[in-house]
């Protein structure tokens, strides 16, 4: 569980990132979950852009965070920010 200061710090880091994962007409299918999983392993902090399902983005973001074991940092507009710390301390890119 992250504190509000940690969330704010991660949200600040995310402002400089481009979205890596896109959620389109297919919805939160296994392909999106797998893409988010790979992105979290590679980057730890990931932006996801909602192309479709914009009215359901908060619920879909929570579901994706739960499925991937990530923390949902925030959803602003059509973008969700996710974080999952790398378990190996040597491979960590972000210190919180």
N, C-alpha and C. Protein backbone atom coordinates (compact mmCIF):
# COMPACT_ATOMS: atom_id res chain seq x y z
N UNK A 1 0.83 -1.18 0.00
CA UNK A 1 0.00 0.00 0.00
C UNK A 1 0.88 1.24 0.00
N UNK A 2 0.61 2.15 -0.89
CA UNK A 2 1.39 3.37 -1.02
C UNK A 2 0.76 4.50 -0.21
N UNK A 3 1.62 5.38 0.29
CA UNK A 3 1.13 6.56 0.99
C UNK A 3 0.76 7.62 -0.04
N UNK A 4 0.08 8.67 0.42
CA UNK A 4 -0.32 9.73 -0.51
C UNK A 4 0.91 10.46 -1.06
N UNK A 5 1.97 10.58 -0.27
CA UNK A 5 3.20 11.22 -0.77
C UNK A 5 3.84 10.38 -1.86
N UNK A 6 3.85 9.07 -1.66
CA UNK A 6 4.42 8.18 -2.67
C UNK A 6 3.60 8.23 -3.95
N UNK A 7 2.27 8.25 -3.81
CA UNK A 7 1.40 8.35 -4.99
C UNK A 7 1.65 9.66 -5.74
N UNK A 8 1.77 10.74 -4.99
CA UNK A 8 2.03 12.05 -5.61
C UNK A 8 3.37 12.04 -6.34
N UNK A 9 4.38 11.44 -5.73
CA UNK A 9 5.70 11.35 -6.36
C UNK A 9 5.62 10.55 -7.67
N UNK A 10 4.95 9.40 -7.62
CA UNK A 10 4.81 8.57 -8.82
C UNK A 10 3.98 9.27 -9.89
N UNK A 11 2.94 9.97 -9.48
CA UNK A 11 2.12 10.71 -10.45
C UNK A 11 2.96 11.80 -11.12
N UNK A 12 3.84 12.43 -10.37
CA UNK A 12 4.73 13.43 -10.95
C UNK A 12 5.69 12.83 -11.96
N UNK A 13 6.22 11.65 -11.64
CA UNK A 13 7.11 10.96 -12.59
C UNK A 13 6.35 10.55 -13.85
N UNK A 14 5.09 10.20 -13.69
CA UNK A 14 4.29 9.73 -14.82
C UNK A 14 3.94 10.84 -15.80
N UNK A 15 3.98 12.09 -15.37
CA UNK A 15 3.63 13.18 -16.30
C UNK A 15 4.57 13.23 -17.49
N UNK A 16 5.78 12.74 -17.32
CA UNK A 16 6.77 12.79 -18.40
C UNK A 16 6.71 11.56 -19.31
N UNK A 17 5.89 10.59 -18.94
CA UNK A 17 5.81 9.34 -19.71
C UNK A 17 4.76 9.40 -20.80
N UNK A 18 4.98 8.65 -21.85
CA UNK A 18 3.97 8.44 -22.89
C UNK A 18 3.23 7.15 -22.58
N UNK A 19 1.96 7.05 -22.97
CA UNK A 19 1.24 5.79 -22.75
C UNK A 19 1.91 4.63 -23.49
N UNK A 20 1.97 3.51 -22.82
CA UNK A 20 2.58 2.31 -23.40
C UNK A 20 1.50 1.32 -23.82
N UNK A 21 0.42 1.27 -23.05
CA UNK A 21 -0.67 0.32 -23.29
C UNK A 21 -1.92 1.10 -23.67
N UNK A 22 -2.65 0.59 -24.64
CA UNK A 22 -3.88 1.24 -25.09
C UNK A 22 -5.04 0.27 -24.94
N UNK A 23 -6.14 0.75 -24.39
CA UNK A 23 -7.34 -0.07 -24.23
C UNK A 23 -8.36 0.43 -25.24
N UNK A 24 -8.64 -0.39 -26.24
CA UNK A 24 -9.52 0.02 -27.33
C UNK A 24 -10.84 -0.72 -27.31
N UNK A 25 -11.38 -0.98 -28.48
CA UNK A 25 -12.70 -1.58 -28.62
C UNK A 25 -12.80 -2.99 -28.05
N UNK A 26 -11.69 -3.70 -27.98
CA UNK A 26 -11.71 -5.07 -27.47
C UNK A 26 -11.96 -5.11 -25.97
N UNK A 27 -11.81 -3.99 -25.29
CA UNK A 27 -12.02 -3.95 -23.85
C UNK A 27 -10.83 -4.51 -23.10
N UNK A 28 -11.08 -4.88 -21.86
CA UNK A 28 -9.99 -5.39 -21.01
C UNK A 28 -9.80 -6.88 -21.25
N UNK A 29 -9.56 -7.23 -22.49
CA UNK A 29 -9.35 -8.63 -22.86
C UNK A 29 -7.99 -9.08 -22.35
N UNK A 30 -7.71 -10.34 -22.54
CA UNK A 30 -6.45 -10.89 -22.05
C UNK A 30 -5.25 -10.21 -22.71
N UNK A 31 -5.39 -9.75 -23.93
CA UNK A 31 -4.29 -9.08 -24.60
C UNK A 31 -3.87 -7.80 -23.89
N UNK A 32 -4.84 -7.05 -23.40
CA UNK A 32 -4.53 -5.82 -22.67
C UNK A 32 -3.89 -6.16 -21.33
N UNK A 33 -4.42 -7.17 -20.65
CA UNK A 33 -3.84 -7.59 -19.37
C UNK A 33 -2.40 -8.05 -19.54
N UNK A 34 -2.15 -8.81 -20.59
CA UNK A 34 -0.79 -9.29 -20.86
C UNK A 34 0.14 -8.15 -21.21
N UNK A 35 -0.34 -7.20 -22.00
CA UNK A 35 0.48 -6.04 -22.37
C UNK A 35 0.82 -5.21 -21.14
N UNK A 36 -0.15 -5.02 -20.25
CA UNK A 36 0.10 -4.28 -19.02
C UNK A 36 1.09 -5.03 -18.14
N UNK A 37 0.96 -6.33 -18.06
CA UNK A 37 1.88 -7.15 -17.27
C UNK A 37 3.32 -7.00 -17.78
N UNK A 38 3.51 -7.12 -19.09
CA UNK A 38 4.85 -6.96 -19.67
C UNK A 38 5.42 -5.57 -19.42
N UNK A 39 4.56 -4.56 -19.58
CA UNK A 39 5.00 -3.19 -19.38
C UNK A 39 5.40 -2.94 -17.93
N UNK A 40 4.66 -3.50 -16.99
CA UNK A 40 5.00 -3.34 -15.57
C UNK A 40 6.32 -4.01 -15.23
N UNK A 41 6.57 -5.17 -15.82
CA UNK A 41 7.84 -5.87 -15.58
C UNK A 41 8.99 -5.04 -16.13
N UNK A 42 8.80 -4.46 -17.31
CA UNK A 42 9.87 -3.71 -17.96
C UNK A 42 10.07 -2.31 -17.39
N UNK A 43 8.98 -1.64 -17.00
CA UNK A 43 9.07 -0.22 -16.66
C UNK A 43 8.67 0.14 -15.24
N UNK A 44 7.94 -0.67 -14.55
CA UNK A 44 7.40 -0.43 -13.21
C UNK A 44 6.28 0.61 -13.18
N UNK A 45 6.46 1.74 -13.82
CA UNK A 45 5.47 2.80 -13.86
C UNK A 45 4.95 2.91 -15.29
N UNK A 46 3.63 2.71 -15.47
CA UNK A 46 3.06 2.57 -16.81
C UNK A 46 1.82 3.45 -16.94
N UNK A 47 1.73 4.10 -18.10
CA UNK A 47 0.51 4.82 -18.47
C UNK A 47 -0.30 3.98 -19.43
N UNK A 48 -1.62 3.96 -19.21
CA UNK A 48 -2.54 3.25 -20.09
C UNK A 48 -3.55 4.27 -20.60
N UNK A 49 -3.73 4.33 -21.92
CA UNK A 49 -4.69 5.26 -22.51
C UNK A 49 -5.96 4.51 -22.88
N UNK A 50 -7.10 5.08 -22.48
CA UNK A 50 -8.41 4.53 -22.81
C UNK A 50 -8.87 5.14 -24.12
N UNK A 51 -8.88 4.34 -25.19
CA UNK A 51 -9.35 4.79 -26.50
C UNK A 51 -10.86 4.68 -26.56
N UNK A 52 -11.39 3.62 -25.99
CA UNK A 52 -12.83 3.36 -25.96
C UNK A 52 -13.20 3.07 -24.51
N UNK A 53 -14.45 2.86 -24.21
CA UNK A 53 -14.93 2.57 -22.85
C UNK A 53 -14.61 3.71 -21.89
N UNK A 54 -14.65 4.93 -22.37
CA UNK A 54 -14.25 6.07 -21.55
C UNK A 54 -15.17 6.28 -20.36
N UNK A 55 -16.43 5.89 -20.48
CA UNK A 55 -17.35 6.03 -19.36
C UNK A 55 -17.09 5.03 -18.25
N UNK A 56 -16.41 3.95 -18.57
CA UNK A 56 -16.14 2.89 -17.60
C UNK A 56 -14.67 2.84 -17.20
N UNK A 57 -13.92 3.86 -17.49
CA UNK A 57 -12.47 3.81 -17.30
C UNK A 57 -12.05 3.59 -15.85
N UNK A 58 -12.75 4.18 -14.88
CA UNK A 58 -12.36 3.99 -13.48
C UNK A 58 -12.51 2.54 -13.05
N UNK A 59 -13.62 1.93 -13.40
CA UNK A 59 -13.85 0.53 -13.02
C UNK A 59 -12.89 -0.40 -13.76
N UNK A 60 -12.67 -0.17 -15.05
CA UNK A 60 -11.73 -0.99 -15.80
C UNK A 60 -10.31 -0.84 -15.26
N UNK A 61 -9.93 0.36 -14.89
CA UNK A 61 -8.59 0.58 -14.33
C UNK A 61 -8.42 -0.18 -13.03
N UNK A 62 -9.44 -0.18 -12.18
CA UNK A 62 -9.37 -0.92 -10.92
C UNK A 62 -9.24 -2.43 -11.18
N UNK A 63 -10.01 -2.92 -12.16
CA UNK A 63 -9.95 -4.34 -12.50
C UNK A 63 -8.57 -4.73 -13.02
N UNK A 64 -8.01 -3.91 -13.90
CA UNK A 64 -6.68 -4.20 -14.44
C UNK A 64 -5.61 -4.16 -13.35
N UNK A 65 -5.73 -3.23 -12.43
CA UNK A 65 -4.77 -3.14 -11.32
C UNK A 65 -4.86 -4.40 -10.46
N UNK A 66 -6.06 -4.85 -10.18
CA UNK A 66 -6.24 -6.05 -9.38
C UNK A 66 -5.69 -7.28 -10.09
N UNK A 67 -5.98 -7.41 -11.38
CA UNK A 67 -5.51 -8.56 -12.16
C UNK A 67 -3.99 -8.61 -12.23
N UNK A 68 -3.36 -7.45 -12.34
CA UNK A 68 -1.91 -7.42 -12.52
C UNK A 68 -1.15 -7.30 -11.21
N UNK A 69 -1.85 -7.10 -10.11
CA UNK A 69 -1.17 -6.93 -8.82
C UNK A 69 -0.47 -5.59 -8.70
N UNK A 70 -0.93 -4.62 -9.47
CA UNK A 70 -0.32 -3.29 -9.47
C UNK A 70 -1.14 -2.32 -8.62
N UNK A 71 -0.53 -1.21 -8.30
CA UNK A 71 -1.23 -0.12 -7.63
C UNK A 71 -1.75 0.83 -8.71
N UNK A 72 -3.01 1.18 -8.59
CA UNK A 72 -3.58 2.21 -9.47
C UNK A 72 -3.24 3.55 -8.85
N UNK A 73 -2.37 4.30 -9.48
CA UNK A 73 -1.93 5.59 -8.94
C UNK A 73 -3.02 6.62 -9.13
N UNK A 74 -3.51 6.76 -10.34
CA UNK A 74 -4.61 7.67 -10.60
C UNK A 74 -5.15 7.49 -12.01
N UNK A 75 -6.37 7.98 -12.19
CA UNK A 75 -6.99 8.04 -13.51
C UNK A 75 -7.36 9.49 -13.74
N UNK A 76 -6.75 10.08 -14.75
CA UNK A 76 -7.05 11.47 -15.09
C UNK A 76 -7.39 11.50 -16.58
N UNK A 77 -8.56 12.04 -16.87
CA UNK A 77 -9.00 12.08 -18.26
C UNK A 77 -9.12 10.68 -18.80
N UNK A 78 -8.44 10.41 -19.89
CA UNK A 78 -8.48 9.10 -20.53
C UNK A 78 -7.21 8.30 -20.30
N UNK A 79 -6.50 8.62 -19.21
CA UNK A 79 -5.23 7.96 -18.93
C UNK A 79 -5.23 7.42 -17.50
N UNK A 80 -4.80 6.16 -17.37
CA UNK A 80 -4.61 5.56 -16.06
C UNK A 80 -3.13 5.32 -15.83
N UNK A 81 -2.69 5.50 -14.59
CA UNK A 81 -1.28 5.30 -14.24
C UNK A 81 -1.19 4.15 -13.24
N UNK A 82 -0.34 3.16 -13.56
CA UNK A 82 -0.18 1.97 -12.74
C UNK A 82 1.27 1.84 -12.30
N UNK A 83 1.47 1.26 -11.10
CA UNK A 83 2.82 1.05 -10.59
C UNK A 83 2.89 -0.30 -9.90
N UNK A 84 3.95 -1.03 -10.21
CA UNK A 84 4.27 -2.27 -9.49
C UNK A 84 5.78 -2.33 -9.38
N UNK A 85 6.26 -2.34 -8.14
CA UNK A 85 7.70 -2.33 -7.91
C UNK A 85 8.32 -3.66 -8.31
N UNK A 86 9.46 -3.57 -8.95
CA UNK A 86 10.23 -4.74 -9.35
C UNK A 86 10.67 -5.50 -8.09
N UNK A 87 10.40 -6.80 -8.00
CA UNK A 87 10.79 -7.54 -6.80
C UNK A 87 12.30 -7.64 -6.60
N UNK A 88 13.07 -7.62 -7.68
CA UNK A 88 14.53 -7.71 -7.59
C UNK A 88 15.11 -6.30 -7.38
N UNK A 89 15.70 -6.02 -6.22
CA UNK A 89 16.22 -4.67 -5.95
C UNK A 89 17.25 -4.18 -6.96
N UNK A 90 17.98 -5.09 -7.59
CA UNK A 90 19.00 -4.69 -8.57
C UNK A 90 18.38 -4.21 -9.89
N UNK A 91 17.16 -4.65 -10.18
CA UNK A 91 16.50 -4.29 -11.42
C UNK A 91 15.53 -3.11 -11.27
N UNK A 92 15.37 -2.59 -10.06
CA UNK A 92 14.43 -1.50 -9.84
C UNK A 92 14.90 -0.22 -10.52
N UNK A 93 13.95 0.44 -11.16
CA UNK A 93 14.24 1.69 -11.84
C UNK A 93 13.72 2.88 -11.05
N UNK A 94 12.74 2.63 -10.18
CA UNK A 94 12.10 3.71 -9.44
C UNK A 94 12.19 3.39 -7.95
N UNK A 95 12.73 4.30 -7.20
CA UNK A 95 12.78 4.17 -5.75
C UNK A 95 11.68 5.02 -5.14
N UNK A 96 10.90 4.40 -4.28
CA UNK A 96 9.83 5.15 -3.63
C UNK A 96 10.10 5.29 -2.15
